[in-house]
Amino acid sequence: MDARLQLRIQRYGWDLAAQDYESLWQAQLAEARSRLLACAAPACGERVLDIACGTGLVAFAAAQVVGPAGHVVGVDISERMVEAARQRARDRNLPNATFLRMEMGSLALPDASFDVATCALGLMYAPNPEVALAELRRVMRPGGRVVIAVWGERARCGWAEVFRIVDEEVASEVCPLFFRFGERDALATACSAAGFTVTAQHRIATTLEYVSAGEACDAAFVGGPVAIAWSRFDAPTRERARQRYTESIAPWRTPQGYRIPGEFVVVSAVATPRA
């Protein structure tokens, strides 16, 4: 897919997902955010960059730690995500958190300007992740800490059938490289190639819990990466897709709802000083 077209799809898709994303995914992704922040360990007075910041959940936690002497910049491709994050920052009285609409492969930020950077489950969407990692290296000071989380292996993510279901309805691939960095040491290798020294890699099993098939379907279709395709489906197509997805997650149905397996990969690295 053409990179510019992919960026447009991502931008407008996440604009559509913005309203429901936090209610559907905040609890499900809490473990990934927690591990990301623990590995990044932002400190008082540091400058932090949060890439693919969404509605600001990681950025807010970092802003509270770095305090008034520090600053957090959150960037996201979705204007509605950024607007939501800005409003939440005002509501939480966090003037040391700034949010900007920006594509991770083209950061309008100064060289060597951040001490810490985080990216929680966003790199998979970059049309050219190698370019995004190079941009990230550019804005990090030498020795700056970077922590990136991605979804793990496709076979370990029970919700992954959503992509195949949507692909068959739109006759094209949606997020074709989504699980690329979840394989083996792929993310660590890419970070090393971009000029980072990898210091740790964690593979974390998780469980996505939903009280009903309807809630699980909403998370998969309405508040996630296929939202733009979903928005264009007519009623019969939506019903067919929901039915097929519900069947795909049936093995993880419990008396309380659904407990769907998932996996995160979290890589920690430092920006290697340039020769």
C-alpha atoms as a PDB file:
ATOM      1  CA  MET A   1       0.000   0.000   0.000  1.00  0.00           C
ATOM      2  CA  ASP A   2       1.231   3.513  -0.808  1.00  0.00           C
ATOM      3  CA  ALA A   3       2.678   5.122   2.341  1.00  0.00           C
ATOM      4  CA  ARG A   4       0.637   8.313   1.975  1.00  0.00           C
ATOM      5  CA  LEU A   5      -2.570   6.358   1.577  1.00  0.00           C
ATOM      6  CA  GLN A   6      -1.695   4.216   4.581  1.00  0.00           C
ATOM      7  CA  LEU A   7      -1.116   7.345   6.671  1.00  0.00           C
ATOM      8  CA  ARG A   8      -4.489   8.753   5.638  1.00  0.00           C
ATOM      9  CA  ILE A   9      -6.209   5.506   6.547  1.00  0.00           C
ATOM     10  CA  GLN A  10      -4.478   5.450   9.927  1.00  0.00           C
ATOM     11  CA  ARG A  11      -5.246   9.093  10.629  1.00  0.00           C
ATOM     12  CA  TYR A  12      -8.943   8.958   9.843  1.00  0.00           C
ATOM     13  CA  GLY A  13      -9.350   5.499  11.303  1.00  0.00           C
ATOM     14  CA  TRP A  14      -8.001   6.594  14.662  1.00  0.00           C
ATOM     15  CA  ASP A  15     -10.058   9.792  14.475  1.00  0.00           C
ATOM     16  CA  LEU A  16     -13.126   7.541  14.256  1.00  0.00           C
ATOM     17  CA  ALA A  17     -11.882   5.312  17.084  1.00  0.00           C
ATOM     18  CA  ALA A  18     -10.956   8.164  19.428  1.00  0.00           C
ATOM     19  CA  GLN A  19     -14.302   8.504  21.193  1.00  0.00           C
ATOM     20  CA  ASP A  20     -14.497   4.837  22.203  1.00  0.00           C
ATOM     21  CA  TYR A  21     -10.847   3.866  22.403  1.00  0.00           C
ATOM     22  CA  GLU A  22     -10.197   4.652  26.052  1.00  0.00           C
ATOM     23  CA  SER A  23     -13.349   2.990  27.399  1.00  0.00           C
ATOM     24  CA  LEU A  24     -12.699  -0.147  25.354  1.00  0.00           C
ATOM     25  CA  TRP A  25      -8.925  -0.455  25.704  1.00  0.00           C
ATOM     26  CA  GLN A  26      -7.696   1.427  28.799  1.00  0.00           C
ATOM     27  CA  ALA A  27      -8.005  -1.574  31.126  1.00  0.00           C
ATOM     28  CA  GLN A  28      -6.951  -4.094  28.477  1.00  0.00           C
ATOM     29  CA  LEU A  29      -3.634  -2.336  27.816  1.00  0.00           C
ATOM     30  CA  ALA A  30      -2.855  -1.330  31.400  1.00  0.00           C
ATOM     31  CA  GLU A  31      -0.222  -4.034  31.786  1.00  0.00           C
ATOM     32  CA  ALA A  32       1.665  -2.895  28.690  1.00  0.00           C
ATOM     33  CA  ARG A  33       1.601   0.744  29.823  1.00  0.00           C
ATOM     34  CA  SER A  34       2.730  -0.191  33.319  1.00  0.00           C
ATOM     35  CA  ARG A  35       5.697  -2.216  32.067  1.00  0.00           C
ATOM     36  CA  LEU A  36       6.598   0.486  29.554  1.00  0.00           C
ATOM     37  CA  LEU A  37       6.739   3.179  32.229  1.00  0.00           C
ATOM     38  CA  ALA A  38       8.606   0.972  34.690  1.00  0.00           C
ATOM     39  CA  CYS A  39      11.288   0.256  32.083  1.00  0.00           C
ATOM     40  CA  ALA A  40      11.517   3.889  30.963  1.00  0.00           C
ATOM     41  CA  ALA A  41      11.756   5.142  34.565  1.00  0.00           C
ATOM     42  CA  PRO A  42      11.299   8.867  33.830  1.00  0.00           C
ATOM     43  CA  ALA A  43      12.798  11.059  36.549  1.00  0.00           C
ATOM     44  CA  CYS A  44      12.179  14.529  37.934  1.00  0.00           C
ATOM     45  CA  GLY A  45      13.200  17.237  35.476  1.00  0.00           C
ATOM     46  CA  GLU A  46      13.530  15.018  32.390  1.00  0.00           C
ATOM     47  CA  ARG A  47      12.090  15.675  28.944  1.00  0.00           C
ATOM     48  CA  VAL A  48       9.940  12.788  27.707  1.00  0.00           C
ATOM     49  CA  LEU A  49       8.570  12.061  24.237  1.00  0.00           C
ATOM     50  CA  ASP A  50       5.522   9.787  23.966  1.00  0.00           C
ATOM     51  CA  ILE A  51       4.998   8.584  20.392  1.00  0.00           C
ATOM     52  CA  ALA A  52       1.536   7.428  19.284  1.00  0.00           C
ATOM     53  CA  CYS A  53       0.273   8.947  22.532  1.00  0.00           C
ATOM     54  CA  GLY A  54      -3.436   8.389  21.858  1.00  0.00           C
ATOM     55  CA  THR A  55      -5.523  10.053  24.553  1.00  0.00           C
ATOM     56  CA  GLY A  56      -2.450  10.569  26.738  1.00  0.00           C
ATOM     57  CA  LEU A  57      -2.497   7.786  29.313  1.00  0.00           C
ATOM     58  CA  VAL A  58       1.266   7.127  29.240  1.00  0.00           C
ATOM     59  CA  ALA A  59       2.084  10.818  28.863  1.00  0.00           C
ATOM     60  CA  PHE A  60       0.024  11.806  31.914  1.00  0.00           C
ATOM     61  CA  ALA A  61       1.764   9.260  34.121  1.00  0.00           C
ATOM     62  CA  ALA A  62       5.157  10.477  32.905  1.00  0.00           C
ATOM     63  CA  ALA A  63       4.204  14.138  33.424  1.00  0.00           C
ATOM     64  CA  GLN A  64       3.345  13.498  37.051  1.00  0.00           C
ATOM     65  CA  VAL A  65       6.758  11.909  37.621  1.00  0.00           C
ATOM     66  CA  VAL A  66       8.942  14.479  35.834  1.00  0.00           C
ATOM     67  CA  GLY A  67       7.156  17.311  37.627  1.00  0.00           C
ATOM     68  CA  PRO A  68       7.150  21.042  36.830  1.00  0.00           C
ATOM     69  CA  ALA A  69      10.882  20.991  36.099  1.00  0.00           C
ATOM     70  CA  GLY A  70      10.379  18.406  33.364  1.00  0.00           C
ATOM     71  CA  HIS A  71       8.154  18.224  30.317  1.00  0.00           C
ATOM     72  CA  VAL A  72       6.322  15.604  28.287  1.00  0.00           C
ATOM     73  CA  VAL A  73       5.498  15.907  24.593  1.00  0.00           C
ATOM     74  CA  GLY A  74       2.913  13.493  23.222  1.00  0.00           C
ATOM     75  CA  VAL A  75       2.514  13.086  19.461  1.00  0.00           C
ATOM     76  CA  ASP A  76      -0.127  11.199  17.531  1.00  0.00           C
ATOM     77  CA  ILE A  77      -1.321  11.015  13.935  1.00  0.00           C
ATOM     78  CA  SER A  78      -4.972  11.455  14.984  1.00  0.00           C
ATOM     79  CA  GLU A  79      -6.221  14.995  15.544  1.00  0.00           C
ATOM     80  CA  ARG A  80      -9.124  13.739  17.663  1.00  0.00           C
ATOM     81  CA  MET A  81      -6.797  11.718  19.869  1.00  0.00           C
ATOM     82  CA  VAL A  82      -4.615  14.796  20.340  1.00  0.00           C
ATOM     83  CA  GLU A  83      -7.632  16.998  21.108  1.00  0.00           C
ATOM     84  CA  ALA A  84      -8.824  14.498  23.713  1.00  0.00           C
ATOM     85  CA  ALA A  85      -5.360  14.396  25.301  1.00  0.00           C
ATOM     86  CA  ARG A  86      -5.165  18.195  25.440  1.00  0.00           C
ATOM     87  CA  GLN A  87      -8.547  18.419  27.152  1.00  0.00           C
ATOM     88  CA  ARG A  88      -7.599  15.736  29.672  1.00  0.00           C
ATOM     89  CA  ALA A  89      -4.319  17.541  30.407  1.00  0.00           C
ATOM     90  CA  ARG A  90      -6.296  20.690  31.201  1.00  0.00           C
ATOM     91  CA  ASP A  91      -8.737  18.731  33.343  1.00  0.00           C
ATOM     92  CA  ARG A  92      -5.836  17.167  35.274  1.00  0.00           C
ATOM     93  CA  ASN A  93      -3.979  20.474  35.575  1.00  0.00           C
ATOM     94  CA  LEU A  94      -0.846  19.168  33.857  1.00  0.00           C
ATOM     95  CA  PRO A  95       0.715  22.205  32.152  1.00  0.00           C
ATOM     96  CA  ASN A  96       3.947  20.240  31.656  1.00  0.00           C
ATOM     97  CA  ALA A  97       2.280  17.974  29.078  1.00  0.00           C
ATOM     98  CA  THR A  98       2.023  19.156  25.468  1.00  0.00           C
ATOM     99  CA  PHE A  99       0.226  17.254  22.709  1.00  0.00           C
ATOM    100  CA  LEU A 100       0.856  17.662  18.973  1.00  0.00           C
ATOM    101  CA  ARG A 101      -0.548  16.037  15.854  1.00  0.00           C
ATOM    102  CA  MET A 102       2.495  14.532  14.192  1.00  0.00           C
ATOM    103  CA  GLU A 103       3.444  11.475  12.161  1.00  0.00           C
ATOM    104  CA  MET A 104       6.134   9.383  13.805  1.00  0.00           C
ATOM    105  CA  GLY A 105       8.124   9.114  10.589  1.00  0.00           C
ATOM    106  CA  SER A 106       8.464  12.900  10.342  1.00  0.00           C
ATOM    107  CA  LEU A 107       8.950  14.474  13.766  1.00  0.00           C
ATOM    108  CA  ALA A 108       9.019  18.285  13.698  1.00  0.00           C
ATOM    109  CA  LEU A 109      11.183  18.292  16.819  1.00  0.00           C
ATOM    110  CA  PRO A 110      14.796  19.362  17.453  1.00  0.00           C
ATOM    111  CA  ASP A 111      17.726  16.959  17.364  1.00  0.00           C
ATOM    112  CA  ALA A 112      18.883  15.463  20.682  1.00  0.00           C
ATOM    113  CA  SER A 113      16.075  17.112  22.654  1.00  0.00           C
ATOM    114  CA  PHE A 114      14.679  14.265  24.785  1.00  0.00           C
ATOM    115  CA  ASP A 115      15.994  12.235  27.713  1.00  0.00           C
ATOM    116  CA  VAL A 116      13.332   9.509  27.505  1.00  0.00           C
ATOM    117  CA  ALA A 117      10.971   8.250  24.806  1.00  0.00           C
ATOM    118  CA  THR A 118       8.098   5.781  24.931  1.00  0.00           C
ATOM    119  CA  CYS A 119       5.934   4.226  22.251  1.00  0.00           C
ATOM    120  CA  ALA A 120       3.078   2.057  23.481  1.00  0.00           C
ATOM    121  CA  LEU A 121       1.671  -0.190  20.744  1.00  0.00           C
ATOM    122  CA  GLY A 122       2.126   2.340  17.958  1.00  0.00           C
ATOM    123  CA  LEU A 123       5.141   1.309  15.872  1.00  0.00           C
ATOM    124  CA  MET A 124       3.146  -1.446  14.114  1.00  0.00           C
ATOM    125  CA  TYR A 125       1.154   1.227  12.266  1.00  0.00           C
ATOM    126  CA  ALA A 126       4.091   3.121  10.725  1.00  0.00           C
ATOM    127  CA  PRO A 127       4.228   2.718   6.916  1.00  0.00           C
ATOM    128  CA  ASN A 128       8.025   2.648   7.239  1.00  0.00           C
ATOM    129  CA  PRO A 129       8.974   1.744  10.817  1.00  0.00           C
ATOM    130  CA  GLU A 130      12.696   1.954  10.030  1.00  0.00           C
ATOM    131  CA  VAL A 131      12.240   5.630   9.168  1.00  0.00           C
ATOM    132  CA  ALA A 132      10.230   6.148  12.360  1.00  0.00           C
ATOM    133  CA  LEU A 133      12.999   4.558  14.444  1.00  0.00           C
ATOM    134  CA  ALA A 134      15.623   6.720  12.718  1.00  0.00           C
ATOM    135  CA  GLU A 135      13.575   9.821  13.546  1.00  0.00           C
ATOM    136  CA  LEU A 136      13.287   8.664  17.130  1.00  0.00           C
ATOM    137  CA  ARG A 137      17.066   8.226  17.325  1.00  0.00           C
ATOM    138  CA  ARG A 138      17.562  11.720  15.908  1.00  0.00           C
ATOM    139  CA  VAL A 139      15.548  13.454  18.629  1.00  0.00           C
ATOM    140  CA  MET A 140      17.140  11.484  21.501  1.00  0.00           C
ATOM    141  CA  ARG A 141      20.134  12.846  23.358  1.00  0.00           C
ATOM    142  CA  PRO A 142      23.122  10.471  23.515  1.00  0.00           C
ATOM    143  CA  GLY A 143      22.418   7.911  26.211  1.00  0.00           C
ATOM    144  CA  GLY A 144      18.704   8.745  26.209  1.00  0.00           C
ATOM    145  CA  ARG A 145      16.381   5.884  27.166  1.00  0.00           C
ATOM    146  CA  VAL A 146      13.794   4.454  24.773  1.00  0.00           C
ATOM    147  CA  VAL A 147      11.129   1.857  25.525  1.00  0.00           C
ATOM    148  CA  ILE A 148       8.856   0.465  22.809  1.00  0.00           C
ATOM    149  CA  ALA A 149       5.954  -1.952  23.264  1.00  0.00           C
ATOM    150  CA  VAL A 150       4.311  -3.876  20.415  1.00  0.00           C
ATOM    151  CA  TRP A 151       1.872  -6.744  20.187  1.00  0.00           C
ATOM    152  CA  GLY A 152       3.586 -10.135  20.257  1.00  0.00           C
ATOM    153  CA  GLU A 153       3.251 -13.130  17.982  1.00  0.00           C
ATOM    154  CA  ARG A 154       0.036 -13.359  15.999  1.00  0.00           C
ATOM    155  CA  ALA A 155      -0.535 -16.961  17.112  1.00  0.00           C
ATOM    156  CA  ARG A 156      -0.537 -15.798  20.751  1.00  0.00           C
ATOM    157  CA  CYS A 157      -3.116 -13.045  20.222  1.00  0.00           C
ATOM    158  CA  GLY A 158      -6.563 -14.632  20.220  1.00  0.00           C
ATOM    159  CA  TRP A 159      -8.202 -11.480  18.842  1.00  0.00           C
ATOM    160  CA  ALA A 160      -6.045 -11.442  15.686  1.00  0.00           C
ATOM    161  CA  GLU A 161      -8.743 -12.956  13.456  1.00  0.00           C
ATOM    162  CA  VAL A 162     -10.300  -9.484  13.227  1.00  0.00           C
ATOM    163  CA  PHE A 163      -7.779  -8.627  10.520  1.00  0.00           C
ATOM    164  CA  ARG A 164      -8.587 -11.641   8.335  1.00  0.00           C
ATOM    165  CA  ILE A 165     -12.316 -11.046   8.744  1.00  0.00           C
ATOM    166  CA  VAL A 166     -12.037  -7.406   7.657  1.00  0.00           C
ATOM    167  CA  ASP A 167      -9.525  -8.204   4.898  1.00  0.00           C
ATOM    168  CA  GLU A 168     -12.019 -10.559   3.273  1.00  0.00           C
ATOM    169  CA  GLU A 169     -14.757  -7.924   3.350  1.00  0.00           C
ATOM    170  CA  VAL A 170     -12.665  -5.127   1.829  1.00  0.00           C
ATOM    171  CA  ALA A 171     -10.659  -7.359  -0.560  1.00  0.00           C
ATOM    172  CA  SER A 172      -7.333  -5.962   0.649  1.00  0.00           C
ATOM    173  CA  GLU A 173      -4.996  -6.259   3.595  1.00  0.00           C
ATOM    174  CA  VAL A 174      -5.593  -4.118   6.671  1.00  0.00           C
ATOM    175  CA  CYS A 175      -2.405  -3.516   8.680  1.00  0.00           C
ATOM    176  CA  PRO A 176      -0.488  -6.260   6.805  1.00  0.00           C
ATOM    177  CA  LEU A 177       2.666  -5.904   8.927  1.00  0.00           C
ATOM    178  CA  PHE A 178       0.869  -5.519  12.260  1.00  0.00           C
ATOM    179  CA  PHE A 179       2.564  -8.493  13.950  1.00  0.00           C
ATOM    180  CA  ARG A 180       5.948  -8.106  12.257  1.00  0.00           C
ATOM    181  CA  PHE A 181       7.779  -6.863  15.355  1.00  0.00           C
ATOM    182  CA  GLY A 182       6.197  -9.466  17.616  1.00  0.00           C
ATOM    183  CA  GLU A 183       8.238 -12.235  15.996  1.00  0.00           C
ATOM    184  CA  ARG A 184      11.397 -13.465  17.760  1.00  0.00           C
ATOM    185  CA  ASP A 185      13.913 -10.596  18.124  1.00  0.00           C
ATOM    186  CA  ALA A 186      12.518  -8.472  15.289  1.00  0.00           C
ATOM    187  CA  LEU A 187      11.923  -5.340  17.357  1.00  0.00           C
ATOM    188  CA  ALA A 188      15.280  -5.516  19.127  1.00  0.00           C
ATOM    189  CA  THR A 189      17.037  -6.035  15.787  1.00  0.00           C
ATOM    190  CA  ALA A 190      15.288  -3.020  14.251  1.00  0.00           C
ATOM    191  CA  CYS A 191      16.211  -0.848  17.252  1.00  0.00           C
ATOM    192  CA  SER A 192      19.855  -1.878  16.981  1.00  0.00           C
ATOM    193  CA  ALA A 193      19.889  -1.068  13.271  1.00  0.00           C
ATOM    194  CA  ALA A 194      18.520   2.412  14.029  1.00  0.00           C
ATOM    195  CA  GLY A 195      21.387   3.266  16.370  1.00  0.00           C
ATOM    196  CA  PHE A 196      20.138   2.099  19.741  1.00  0.00           C
ATOM    197  CA  THR A 197      21.809  -0.283  22.150  1.00  0.00           C
ATOM    198  CA  VAL A 198      19.207  -2.756  23.358  1.00  0.00           C
ATOM    199  CA  THR A 199      19.365  -3.296  27.105  1.00  0.00           C
ATOM    200  CA  ALA A 200      16.369  -5.569  27.734  1.00  0.00           C
ATOM    201  CA  GLN A 201      13.551  -7.418  26.012  1.00  0.00           C
ATOM    202  CA  HIS A 202      10.423  -8.742  27.708  1.00  0.00           C
ATOM    203  CA  ARG A 203       7.706 -10.977  26.280  1.00  0.00           C
ATOM    204  CA  ILE A 204       4.556 -10.604  28.388  1.00  0.00           C
ATOM    205  CA  ALA A 205       1.481 -12.834  28.253  1.00  0.00           C
ATOM    206  CA  THR A 206      -1.757 -10.992  28.940  1.00  0.00           C
ATOM    207  CA  THR A 207      -5.508 -11.566  28.914  1.00  0.00           C
ATOM    208  CA  LEU A 208      -8.118  -9.294  27.376  1.00  0.00           C
ATOM    209  CA  GLU A 209     -11.312  -9.536  29.419  1.00  0.00           C
ATOM    210  CA  TYR A 210     -14.760  -8.640  28.088  1.00  0.00           C
ATOM    211  CA  VAL A 211     -18.130  -9.118  29.745  1.00  0.00           C
ATOM    212  CA  SER A 212     -19.918  -9.914  26.482  1.00  0.00           C
ATOM    213  CA  ALA A 213     -19.431 -10.705  22.822  1.00  0.00           C
ATOM    214  CA  GLY A 214     -20.784  -7.245  22.022  1.00  0.00           C
ATOM    215  CA  GLU A 215     -18.082  -5.545  24.072  1.00  0.00           C
ATOM    216  CA  ALA A 216     -15.379  -7.744  22.515  1.00  0.00           C
ATOM    217  CA  CYS A 217     -16.652  -6.897  19.033  1.00  0.00           C
ATOM    218  CA  ASP A 218     -16.761  -3.173  19.801  1.00  0.00           C
ATOM    219  CA  ALA A 219     -13.138  -3.273  20.927  1.00  0.00           C
ATOM    220  CA  ALA A 220     -12.093  -5.124  17.795  1.00  0.00           C
ATOM    221  CA  PHE A 221     -14.068  -3.114  15.241  1.00  0.00           C
ATOM    222  CA  VAL A 222     -15.136   0.244  16.673  1.00  0.00           C
ATOM    223  CA  GLY A 223     -12.232   1.333  18.857  1.00  0.00           C
ATOM    224  CA  GLY A 224      -9.305  -0.310  17.121  1.00  0.00           C
ATOM    225  CA  PRO A 225      -7.140  -0.322  13.990  1.00  0.00           C
ATOM    226  CA  VAL A 226      -9.894  -1.397  11.586  1.00  0.00           C
ATOM    227  CA  ALA A 227     -12.284   1.408  12.557  1.00  0.00           C
ATOM    228  CA  ILE A 228     -12.233   3.141   9.179  1.00  0.00           C
ATOM    229  CA  ALA A 229     -13.132  -0.079   7.339  1.00  0.00           C
ATOM    230  CA  TRP A 230     -15.852  -0.772   9.904  1.00  0.00           C
ATOM    231  CA  SER A 231     -17.314   2.720   9.405  1.00  0.00           C
ATOM    232  CA  ARG A 232     -17.947   1.916   5.734  1.00  0.00           C
ATOM    233  CA  PHE A 233     -19.623  -1.449   6.247  1.00  0.00           C
ATOM    234  CA  ASP A 234     -23.369  -1.625   5.714  1.00  0.00           C
ATOM    235  CA  ALA A 235     -25.585  -3.301   8.304  1.00  0.00           C
ATOM    236  CA  PRO A 236     -25.477  -6.837   6.804  1.00  0.00           C
ATOM    237  CA  THR A 237     -21.685  -6.693   6.511  1.00  0.00           C
ATOM    238  CA  ARG A 238     -21.335  -5.545  10.109  1.00  0.00           C
ATOM    239  CA  GLU A 239     -23.589  -8.325  11.318  1.00  0.00           C
ATOM    240  CA  ARG A 240     -21.625 -10.904   9.334  1.00  0.00           C
ATOM    241  CA  ALA A 241     -18.292  -9.615  10.631  1.00  0.00           C
ATOM    242  CA  ARG A 242     -19.510  -9.588  14.238  1.00  0.00           C
ATOM    243  CA  GLN A 243     -20.805 -13.128  13.912  1.00  0.00           C
ATOM    244  CA  ARG A 244     -17.540 -14.399  12.457  1.00  0.00           C
ATOM    245  CA  TYR A 245     -15.462 -12.638  15.110  1.00  0.00           C
ATOM    246  CA  THR A 246     -17.658 -13.967  17.900  1.00  0.00           C
ATOM    247  CA  GLU A 247     -17.124 -17.471  16.517  1.00  0.00           C
ATOM    248  CA  SER A 248     -13.359 -16.916  16.385  1.00  0.00           C
ATOM    249  CA  ILE A 249     -13.153 -16.015  20.080  1.00  0.00           C
ATOM    250  CA  ALA A 250     -15.559 -18.741  21.224  1.00  0.00           C
ATOM    251  CA  PRO A 251     -12.731 -20.902  22.674  1.00  0.00           C
ATOM    252  CA  TRP A 252     -12.146 -18.230  25.309  1.00  0.00           C
ATOM    253  CA  ARG A 253     -15.726 -17.785  26.436  1.00  0.00           C
ATOM    254  CA  THR A 254     -16.320 -18.199  30.171  1.00  0.00           C
ATOM    255  CA  PRO A 255     -19.402 -17.898  32.398  1.00  0.00           C
ATOM    256  CA  GLN A 256     -18.274 -14.315  33.108  1.00  0.00           C
ATOM    257  CA  GLY A 257     -17.679 -13.322  29.484  1.00  0.00           C
ATOM    258  CA  TYR A 258     -14.496 -13.696  27.442  1.00  0.00           C
ATOM    259  CA  ARG A 259     -10.835 -14.053  28.465  1.00  0.00           C
ATOM    260  CA  ILE A 260      -8.893 -13.701  25.219  1.00  0.00           C
ATOM    261  CA  PRO A 261      -5.131 -14.347  25.262  1.00  0.00           C
ATOM    262  CA  GLY A 262      -2.675 -11.750  24.038  1.00  0.00           C
ATOM    263  CA  GLU A 263       1.018 -10.984  24.157  1.00  0.00           C
ATOM    264  CA  PHE A 264       3.184  -7.870  24.344  1.00  0.00           C
ATOM    265  CA  VAL A 265       6.850  -7.438  23.502  1.00  0.00           C
ATOM    266  CA  VAL A 266       8.646  -4.607  25.310  1.00  0.00           C
ATOM    267  CA  VAL A 267      12.158  -3.562  24.285  1.00  0.00           C
ATOM    268  CA  SER A 268      14.328  -1.131  26.266  1.00  0.00           C
ATOM    269  CA  ALA A 269      17.279   0.607  24.649  1.00  0.00           C
ATOM    270  CA  VAL A 270      19.586   3.606  24.910  1.00  0.00           C
ATOM    271  CA  ALA A 271      20.588   5.987  22.143  1.00  0.00           C
ATOM    272  CA  THR A 272      24.121   5.024  21.205  1.00  0.00           C
ATOM    273  CA  PRO A 273      26.429   8.095  21.063  1.00  0.00           C
ATOM    274  CA  ARG A 274      27.260   8.902  17.468  1.00  0.00           C
ATOM    275  CA  ALA A 275      30.865   8.553  16.353  1.00  0.00           C
END
